[in-house]
Amino acid sequence: MKTRTLFANALTAIALSASLTTLAHSAEATPYHYGQNLDIAKVISIDVPNSAQCEVVTAQMTYRNSTGEVETLSYEQLSSACTLQS
């Protein structure tokens, strides 16, 4: 019985984590502005689009703030192709 309870709790935790990540990805990202105060307690994921050219791309960071809410922030950065060019 104890093993069954532990297994059920583990499955519940996995399902909750997956649903929070899905919710964060479906929410609209807040664009970052220079000097903006950020409240980041834990980064969940960073998504950067692939690009074959050296160009500016819009990345998204999903994170938890200090109150535990999941938020998504968009920001611009150079693509990874820029580091490969000399």
PDB file of N, CA and C in Angstrom:
ATOM      1  N   MET A   1       0.816  -1.190   0.000  1.00  0.00           N
ATOM      2  CA  MET A   1       0.000   0.000   0.000  1.00  0.00           C
ATOM      3  C   MET A   1       0.865   1.261   0.000  1.00  0.00           C
ATOM      4  N   LYS A   2       1.963   1.250   0.732  1.00  0.00           N
ATOM      5  CA  LYS A   2       2.833   2.411   0.805  1.00  0.00           C
ATOM      6  C   LYS A   2       3.461   2.708  -0.558  1.00  0.00           C
ATOM      7  N   THR A   3       3.856   1.680  -1.293  1.00  0.00           N
ATOM      8  CA  THR A   3       4.444   1.849  -2.618  1.00  0.00           C
ATOM      9  C   THR A   3       3.433   2.452  -3.571  1.00  0.00           C
ATOM     10  N   ARG A   4       2.204   2.031  -3.479  1.00  0.00           N
ATOM     11  CA  ARG A   4       1.148   2.549  -4.354  1.00  0.00           C
ATOM     12  C   ARG A   4       0.927   4.044  -4.092  1.00  0.00           C
ATOM     13  N   THR A   5       0.946   4.454  -2.845  1.00  0.00           N
ATOM     14  CA  THR A   5       0.766   5.855  -2.490  1.00  0.00           C
ATOM     15  C   THR A   5       1.930   6.700  -3.010  1.00  0.00           C
ATOM     16  N   LEU A   6       3.151   6.213  -2.848  1.00  0.00           N
ATOM     17  CA  LEU A   6       4.316   6.928  -3.355  1.00  0.00           C
ATOM     18  C   LEU A   6       4.266   7.068  -4.871  1.00  0.00           C
ATOM     19  N   PHE A   7       3.862   6.010  -5.539  1.00  0.00           N
ATOM     20  CA  PHE A   7       3.759   6.025  -6.997  1.00  0.00           C
ATOM     21  C   PHE A   7       2.697   7.027  -7.442  1.00  0.00           C
ATOM     22  N   ALA A   8       1.551   7.049  -6.764  1.00  0.00           N
ATOM     23  CA  ALA A   8       0.479   7.986  -7.105  1.00  0.00           C
ATOM     24  C   ALA A   8       0.931   9.425  -6.888  1.00  0.00           C
ATOM     25  N   ASN A   9       1.650   9.678  -5.797  1.00  0.00           N
ATOM     26  CA  ASN A   9       2.155  11.034  -5.536  1.00  0.00           C
ATOM     27  C   ASN A   9       3.173  11.460  -6.588  1.00  0.00           C
ATOM     28  N   ALA A  10       4.032  10.536  -7.015  1.00  0.00           N
ATOM     29  CA  ALA A  10       5.023  10.849  -8.045  1.00  0.00           C
ATOM     30  C   ALA A  10       4.346  11.187  -9.366  1.00  0.00           C
ATOM     31  N   LEU A  11       3.333  10.416  -9.743  1.00  0.00           N
ATOM     32  CA  LEU A  11       2.606  10.688 -10.987  1.00  0.00           C
ATOM     33  C   LEU A  11       1.888  12.038 -10.923  1.00  0.00           C
ATOM     34  N   THR A  12       1.326  12.352  -9.778  1.00  0.00           N
ATOM     35  CA  THR A  12       0.645  13.639  -9.605  1.00  0.00           C
ATOM     36  C   THR A  12       1.634  14.791  -9.753  1.00  0.00           C
ATOM     37  N   ALA A  13       2.809  14.656  -9.167  1.00  0.00           N
ATOM     38  CA  ALA A  13       3.826  15.700  -9.263  1.00  0.00           C
ATOM     39  C   ALA A  13       4.288  15.892 -10.703  1.00  0.00           C
ATOM     40  N   ILE A  14       4.479  14.796 -11.419  1.00  0.00           N
ATOM     41  CA  ILE A  14       4.901  14.878 -12.822  1.00  0.00           C
ATOM     42  C   ILE A  14       3.827  15.551 -13.666  1.00  0.00           C
ATOM     43  N   ALA A  15       2.578  15.183 -13.449  1.00  0.00           N
ATOM     44  CA  ALA A  15       1.467  15.766 -14.209  1.00  0.00           C
ATOM     45  C   ALA A  15       1.336  17.261 -13.922  1.00  0.00           C
ATOM     46  N   LEU A  16       1.487  17.651 -12.668  1.00  0.00           N
ATOM     47  CA  LEU A  16       1.398  19.064 -12.301  1.00  0.00           C
ATOM     48  C   LEU A  16       2.526  19.862 -12.936  1.00  0.00           C
ATOM     49  N   SER A  17       3.727  19.328 -12.911  1.00  0.00           N
ATOM     50  CA  SER A  17       4.868  20.008 -13.515  1.00  0.00           C
ATOM     51  C   SER A  17       4.666  20.191 -15.015  1.00  0.00           C
ATOM     52  N   ALA A  18       4.193  19.145 -15.676  1.00  0.00           N
ATOM     53  CA  ALA A  18       3.959  19.219 -17.125  1.00  0.00           C
ATOM     54  C   ALA A  18       2.868  20.231 -17.452  1.00  0.00           C
ATOM     55  N   SER A  19       1.812  20.280 -16.649  1.00  0.00           N
ATOM     56  CA  SER A  19       0.732  21.220 -16.931  1.00  0.00           C
ATOM     57  C   SER A  19       1.171  22.660 -16.696  1.00  0.00           C
ATOM     58  N   LEU A  20       2.015  22.917 -15.684  1.00  0.00           N
ATOM     59  CA  LEU A  20       2.512  24.271 -15.448  1.00  0.00           C
ATOM     60  C   LEU A  20       3.416  24.730 -16.578  1.00  0.00           C
ATOM     61  N   THR A  21       4.253  23.831 -17.072  1.00  0.00           N
ATOM     62  CA  THR A  21       5.130  24.178 -18.191  1.00  0.00           C
ATOM     63  C   THR A  21       4.309  24.463 -19.442  1.00  0.00           C
ATOM     64  N   THR A  22       3.280  23.655 -19.700  1.00  0.00           N
ATOM     65  CA  THR A  22       2.405  23.873 -20.851  1.00  0.00           C
ATOM     66  C   THR A  22       1.667  25.194 -20.714  1.00  0.00           C
ATOM     67  N   LEU A  23       1.184  25.495 -19.515  1.00  0.00           N
ATOM     68  CA  LEU A  23       0.482  26.749 -19.269  1.00  0.00           C
ATOM     69  C   LEU A  23       1.407  27.931 -19.521  1.00  0.00           C
ATOM     70  N   ALA A  24       2.643  27.843 -19.079  1.00  0.00           N
ATOM     71  CA  ALA A  24       3.594  28.936 -19.271  1.00  0.00           C
ATOM     72  C   ALA A  24       3.912  29.137 -20.742  1.00  0.00           C
ATOM     73  N   HIS A  25       4.018  28.053 -21.512  1.00  0.00           N
ATOM     74  CA  HIS A  25       4.324  28.176 -22.935  1.00  0.00           C
ATOM     75  C   HIS A  25       3.129  28.711 -23.710  1.00  0.00           C
ATOM     76  N   SER A  26       1.912  28.444 -23.224  1.00  0.00           N
ATOM     77  CA  SER A  26       0.735  28.925 -23.933  1.00  0.00           C
ATOM     78  C   SER A  26       0.425  30.378 -23.592  1.00  0.00           C
ATOM     79  N   ALA A  27       0.924  30.868 -22.456  1.00  0.00           N
ATOM     80  CA  ALA A  27       0.695  32.251 -22.056  1.00  0.00           C
ATOM     81  C   ALA A  27       1.533  33.181 -22.928  1.00  0.00           C
ATOM     82  N   GLU A  28       1.037  34.382 -23.120  1.00  0.00           N
ATOM     83  CA  GLU A  28       1.771  35.354 -23.920  1.00  0.00           C
ATOM     84  C   GLU A  28       2.970  35.866 -23.133  1.00  0.00           C
ATOM     85  N   ALA A  29       4.078  35.975 -23.795  1.00  0.00           N
ATOM     86  CA  ALA A  29       5.312  36.418 -23.145  1.00  0.00           C
ATOM     87  C   ALA A  29       5.308  37.932 -22.981  1.00  0.00           C
ATOM     88  N   THR A  30       5.850  38.383 -21.867  1.00  0.00           N
ATOM     89  CA  THR A  30       6.028  39.807 -21.614  1.00  0.00           C
ATOM     90  C   THR A  30       7.356  40.228 -22.229  1.00  0.00           C
ATOM     91  N   PRO A  31       7.367  41.258 -23.088  1.00  0.00           N
ATOM     92  CA  PRO A  31       8.631  41.694 -23.674  1.00  0.00           C
ATOM     93  C   PRO A  31       9.514  42.377 -22.627  1.00  0.00           C
ATOM     94  N   TYR A  32      10.807  42.073 -22.655  1.00  0.00           N
ATOM     95  CA  TYR A  32      11.759  42.682 -21.735  1.00  0.00           C
ATOM     96  C   TYR A  32      12.121  44.078 -22.221  1.00  0.00           C
ATOM     97  N   HIS A  33      12.227  45.004 -21.267  1.00  0.00           N
ATOM     98  CA  HIS A  33      12.678  46.364 -21.555  1.00  0.00           C
ATOM     99  C   HIS A  33      13.917  46.632 -20.718  1.00  0.00           C
ATOM    100  N   TYR A  34      14.901  47.305 -21.291  1.00  0.00           N
ATOM    101  CA  TYR A  34      16.150  47.600 -20.601  1.00  0.00           C
ATOM    102  C   TYR A  34      15.869  48.276 -19.265  1.00  0.00           C
ATOM    103  N   GLY A  35      16.503  47.774 -18.213  1.00  0.00           N
ATOM    104  CA  GLY A  35      16.335  48.342 -16.885  1.00  0.00           C
ATOM    105  C   GLY A  35      15.148  47.800 -16.117  1.00  0.00           C
ATOM    106  N   GLN A  36      14.386  46.916 -16.732  1.00  0.00           N
ATOM    107  CA  GLN A  36      13.204  46.342 -16.078  1.00  0.00           C
ATOM    108  C   GLN A  36      13.625  45.500 -14.875  1.00  0.00           C
ATOM    109  N   ASN A  37      12.953  45.682 -13.742  1.00  0.00           N
ATOM    110  CA  ASN A  37      13.228  44.862 -12.565  1.00  0.00           C
ATOM    111  C   ASN A  37      12.593  43.492 -12.757  1.00  0.00           C
ATOM    112  N   LEU A  38      13.401  42.461 -12.601  1.00  0.00           N
ATOM    113  CA  LEU A  38      12.919  41.096 -12.782  1.00  0.00           C
ATOM    114  C   LEU A  38      12.898  40.365 -11.448  1.00  0.00           C
ATOM    115  N   ASP A  39      11.870  39.563 -11.237  1.00  0.00           N
ATOM    116  CA  ASP A  39      11.719  38.764 -10.027  1.00  0.00           C
ATOM    117  C   ASP A  39      11.793  37.297 -10.449  1.00  0.00           C
ATOM    118  N   ILE A  40      13.009  36.770 -10.583  1.00  0.00           N
ATOM    119  CA  ILE A  40      13.212  35.405 -11.055  1.00  0.00           C
ATOM    120  C   ILE A  40      13.746  34.564  -9.907  1.00  0.00           C
ATOM    121  N   ALA A  41      12.937  33.602  -9.462  1.00  0.00           N
ATOM    122  CA  ALA A  41      13.370  32.696  -8.404  1.00  0.00           C
ATOM    123  C   ALA A  41      13.995  31.437  -8.995  1.00  0.00           C
ATOM    124  N   LYS A  42      13.418  30.942 -10.116  1.00  0.00           N
ATOM    125  CA  LYS A  42      13.937  29.729 -10.746  1.00  0.00           C
ATOM    126  C   LYS A  42      13.589  29.727 -12.227  1.00  0.00           C
ATOM    127  N   VAL A  43      14.594  29.501 -13.071  1.00  0.00           N
ATOM    128  CA  VAL A  43      14.369  29.412 -14.508  1.00  0.00           C
ATOM    129  C   VAL A  43      13.872  28.005 -14.836  1.00  0.00           C
ATOM    130  N   ILE A  44      12.762  27.925 -15.568  1.00  0.00           N
ATOM    131  CA  ILE A  44      12.193  26.640 -15.975  1.00  0.00           C
ATOM    132  C   ILE A  44      12.744  26.236 -17.333  1.00  0.00           C
ATOM    133  N   SER A  45      12.725  27.164 -18.293  1.00  0.00           N
ATOM    134  CA  SER A  45      13.255  26.844 -19.619  1.00  0.00           C
ATOM    135  C   SER A  45      13.614  28.127 -20.362  1.00  0.00           C
ATOM    136  N   ILE A  46      14.520  27.967 -21.332  1.00  0.00           N
ATOM    137  CA  ILE A  46      14.882  29.049 -22.243  1.00  0.00           C
ATOM    138  C   ILE A  46      14.778  28.488 -23.646  1.00  0.00           C
ATOM    139  N   ASP A  47      13.959  29.129 -24.471  1.00  0.00           N
ATOM    140  CA  ASP A  47      13.749  28.686 -25.848  1.00  0.00           C
ATOM    141  C   ASP A  47      14.309  29.735 -26.802  1.00  0.00           C
ATOM    142  N   VAL A  48      15.283  29.318 -27.618  1.00  0.00           N
ATOM    143  CA  VAL A  48      15.905  30.207 -28.602  1.00  0.00           C
ATOM    144  C   VAL A  48      15.679  29.596 -29.980  1.00  0.00           C
ATOM    145  N   PRO A  49      15.060  30.323 -30.907  1.00  0.00           N
ATOM    146  CA  PRO A  49      14.833  29.774 -32.238  1.00  0.00           C
ATOM    147  C   PRO A  49      16.148  29.536 -32.981  1.00  0.00           C
ATOM    148  N   ASN A  50      16.189  28.472 -33.762  1.00  0.00           N
ATOM    149  CA  ASN A  50      17.373  28.170 -34.582  1.00  0.00           C
ATOM    150  C   ASN A  50      17.389  29.077 -35.796  1.00  0.00           C
ATOM    151  N   SER A  51      18.574  29.500 -36.170  1.00  0.00           N
ATOM    152  CA  SER A  51      18.741  30.326 -37.352  1.00  0.00           C
ATOM    153  C   SER A  51      20.081  29.994 -37.986  1.00  0.00           C
ATOM    154  N   ALA A  52      20.087  29.833 -39.291  1.00  0.00           N
ATOM    155  CA  ALA A  52      21.326  29.529 -40.004  1.00  0.00           C
ATOM    156  C   ALA A  52      22.143  30.783 -40.262  1.00  0.00           C
ATOM    157  N   GLN A  53      21.533  31.960 -40.099  1.00  0.00           N
ATOM    158  CA  GLN A  53      22.215  33.223 -40.343  1.00  0.00           C
ATOM    159  C   GLN A  53      22.513  33.925 -39.026  1.00  0.00           C
ATOM    160  N   CYS A  54      23.507  34.771 -39.048  1.00  0.00           N
ATOM    161  CA  CYS A  54      23.823  35.609 -37.886  1.00  0.00           C
ATOM    162  C   CYS A  54      22.829  36.769 -37.889  1.00  0.00           C
ATOM    163  N   GLU A  55      21.877  36.711 -36.977  1.00  0.00           N
ATOM    164  CA  GLU A  55      20.832  37.725 -36.912  1.00  0.00           C
ATOM    165  C   GLU A  55      20.272  37.802 -35.494  1.00  0.00           C
ATOM    166  N   VAL A  56      19.475  38.816 -35.232  1.00  0.00           N
ATOM    167  CA  VAL A  56      18.815  38.963 -33.942  1.00  0.00           C
ATOM    168  C   VAL A  56      17.560  38.103 -33.950  1.00  0.00           C
ATOM    169  N   VAL A  57      17.392  37.280 -32.901  1.00  0.00           N
ATOM    170  CA  VAL A  57      16.213  36.429 -32.768  1.00  0.00           C
ATOM    171  C   VAL A  57      15.526  36.749 -31.435  1.00  0.00           C
ATOM    172  N   THR A  58      14.260  36.407 -31.337  1.00  0.00           N
ATOM    173  CA  THR A  58      13.503  36.624 -30.108  1.00  0.00           C
ATOM    174  C   THR A  58      13.446  35.317 -29.324  1.00  0.00           C
ATOM    175  N   ALA A  59      14.063  35.319 -28.166  1.00  0.00           N
ATOM    176  CA  ALA A  59      14.082  34.150 -27.281  1.00  0.00           C
ATOM    177  C   ALA A  59      13.017  34.321 -26.206  1.00  0.00           C
ATOM    178  N   GLN A  60      12.650  33.204 -25.572  1.00  0.00           N
ATOM    179  CA  GLN A  60      11.687  33.246 -24.475  1.00  0.00           C
ATOM    180  C   GLN A  60      12.228  32.498 -23.271  1.00  0.00           C
ATOM    181  N   MET A  61      12.071  33.094 -22.104  1.00  0.00           N
ATOM    182  CA  MET A  61      12.470  32.451 -20.860  1.00  0.00           C
ATOM    183  C   MET A  61      11.222  32.263 -20.012  1.00  0.00           C
ATOM    184  N   THR A  62      11.002  31.022 -19.556  1.00  0.00           N
ATOM    185  CA  THR A  62       9.905  30.711 -18.655  1.00  0.00           C
ATOM    186  C   THR A  62      10.508  30.512 -17.276  1.00  0.00           C
ATOM    187  N   TYR A  63       9.920  31.145 -16.279  1.00  0.00           N
ATOM    188  CA  TYR A  63      10.495  31.117 -14.938  1.00  0.00           C
ATOM    189  C   TYR A  63       9.408  31.224 -13.874  1.00  0.00           C
ATOM    190  N   ARG A  64       9.801  30.916 -12.638  1.00  0.00           N
ATOM    191  CA  ARG A  64       8.934  31.128 -11.473  1.00  0.00           C
ATOM    192  C   ARG A  64       9.434  32.372 -10.754  1.00  0.00           C
ATOM    193  N   ASN A  65       8.489  33.203 -10.318  1.00  0.00           N
ATOM    194  CA  ASN A  65       8.884  34.370  -9.540  1.00  0.00           C
ATOM    195  C   ASN A  65       8.917  34.004  -8.060  1.00  0.00           C
ATOM    196  N   SER A  66       9.190  34.969  -7.196  1.00  0.00           N
ATOM    197  CA  SER A  66       9.351  34.675  -5.770  1.00  0.00           C
ATOM    198  C   SER A  66       8.060  34.239  -5.098  1.00  0.00           C
ATOM    199  N   THR A  67       6.912  34.481  -5.731  1.00  0.00           N
ATOM    200  CA  THR A  67       5.641  34.022  -5.170  1.00  0.00           C
ATOM    201  C   THR A  67       5.216  32.672  -5.731  1.00  0.00           C
ATOM    202  N   GLY A  68       6.021  32.103  -6.648  1.00  0.00           N
ATOM    203  CA  GLY A  68       5.734  30.790  -7.211  1.00  0.00           C
ATOM    204  C   GLY A  68       4.952  30.810  -8.505  1.00  0.00           C
ATOM    205  N   GLU A  69       4.581  31.998  -8.984  1.00  0.00           N
ATOM    206  CA  GLU A  69       3.843  32.088 -10.239  1.00  0.00           C
ATOM    207  C   GLU A  69       4.777  31.852 -11.418  1.00  0.00           C
ATOM    208  N   VAL A  70       4.259  31.202 -12.459  1.00  0.00           N
ATOM    209  CA  VAL A  70       5.037  30.937 -13.673  1.00  0.00           C
ATOM    210  C   VAL A  70       4.806  32.084 -14.646  1.00  0.00           C
ATOM    211  N   GLU A  71       5.905  32.666 -15.139  1.00  0.00           N
ATOM    212  CA  GLU A  71       5.838  33.782 -16.075  1.00  0.00           C
ATOM    213  C   GLU A  71       6.746  33.507 -17.267  1.00  0.00           C
ATOM    214  N   THR A  72       6.468  34.186 -18.376  1.00  0.00           N
ATOM    215  CA  THR A  72       7.280  34.053 -19.581  1.00  0.00           C
ATOM    216  C   THR A  72       7.717  35.441 -20.030  1.00  0.00           C
ATOM    217  N   LEU A  73       8.995  35.553 -20.344  1.00  0.00           N
ATOM    218  CA  LEU A  73       9.597  36.815 -20.754  1.00  0.00           C
ATOM    219  C   LEU A  73      10.238  36.622 -22.122  1.00  0.00           C
ATOM    220  N   SER A  74      10.010  37.551 -23.041  1.00  0.00           N
ATOM    221  CA  SER A  74      10.678  37.485 -24.345  1.00  0.00           C
ATOM    222  C   SER A  74      11.760  38.546 -24.396  1.00  0.00           C
ATOM    223  N   TYR A  75      12.837  38.220 -25.074  1.00  0.00           N
ATOM    224  CA  TYR A  75      13.958  39.154 -25.209  1.00  0.00           C
ATOM    225  C   TYR A  75      14.699  38.851 -26.499  1.00  0.00           C
ATOM    226  N   GLU A  76      15.466  39.827 -26.973  1.00  0.00           N
ATOM    227  CA  GLU A  76      16.210  39.661 -28.220  1.00  0.00           C
ATOM    228  C   GLU A  76      17.663  39.336 -27.925  1.00  0.00           C
ATOM    229  N   GLN A  77      18.226  38.467 -28.756  1.00  0.00           N
ATOM    230  CA  GLN A  77      19.633  38.104 -28.649  1.00  0.00           C
ATOM    231  C   GLN A  77      20.131  37.706 -30.026  1.00  0.00           C
ATOM    232  N   LEU A  78      21.458  37.615 -30.165  1.00  0.00           N
ATOM    233  CA  LEU A  78      22.037  37.151 -31.430  1.00  0.00           C
ATOM    234  C   LEU A  78      21.864  35.648 -31.547  1.00  0.00           C
ATOM    235  N   SER A  79      21.653  35.171 -32.750  1.00  0.00           N
ATOM    236  CA  SER A  79      21.504  33.730 -32.968  1.00  0.00           C
ATOM    237  C   SER A  79      22.840  33.025 -32.739  1.00  0.00           C
ATOM    238  N   SER A  80      22.762  31.728 -32.530  1.00  0.00           N
ATOM    239  CA  SER A  80      23.980  30.944 -32.276  1.00  0.00           C
ATOM    240  C   SER A  80      24.891  30.910 -33.507  1.00  0.00           C
ATOM    241  N   ALA A  81      24.356  31.191 -34.695  1.00  0.00           N
ATOM    242  CA  ALA A  81      25.195  31.221 -35.896  1.00  0.00           C
ATOM    243  C   ALA A  81      26.241  32.329 -35.828  1.00  0.00           C
ATOM    244  N   CYS A  82      26.003  33.355 -35.036  1.00  0.00           N
ATOM    245  CA  CYS A  82      26.958  34.469 -34.915  1.00  0.00           C
ATOM    246  C   CYS A  82      28.244  34.026 -34.221  1.00  0.00           C
ATOM    247  N   THR A  83      28.165  33.078 -33.329  1.00  0.00           N
ATOM    248  CA  THR A  83      29.363  32.603 -32.626  1.00  0.00           C
ATOM    249  C   THR A  83      30.215  31.714 -33.518  1.00  0.00           C
ATOM    250  N   LEU A  84      29.637  31.171 -34.574  1.00  0.00           N
ATOM    251  CA  LEU A  84      30.356  30.274 -35.471  1.00  0.00           C
ATOM    252  C   LEU A  84      31.105  31.015 -36.558  1.00  0.00           C
ATOM    253  N   GLN A  85      30.753  32.274 -36.768  1.00  0.00           N
ATOM    254  CA  GLN A  85      31.407  33.077 -37.816  1.00  0.00           C
ATOM    255  C   GLN A  85      32.643  33.758 -37.238  1.00  0.00           C
ATOM    256  N   SER A  86      33.660  33.926 -38.094  1.00  0.00           N
ATOM    257  CA  SER A  86      34.875  34.626 -37.641  1.00  0.00           C
ATOM    258  C   SER A  86      34.925  36.026 -38.165  1.00  0.00           C
TER     259      SER A  86
END
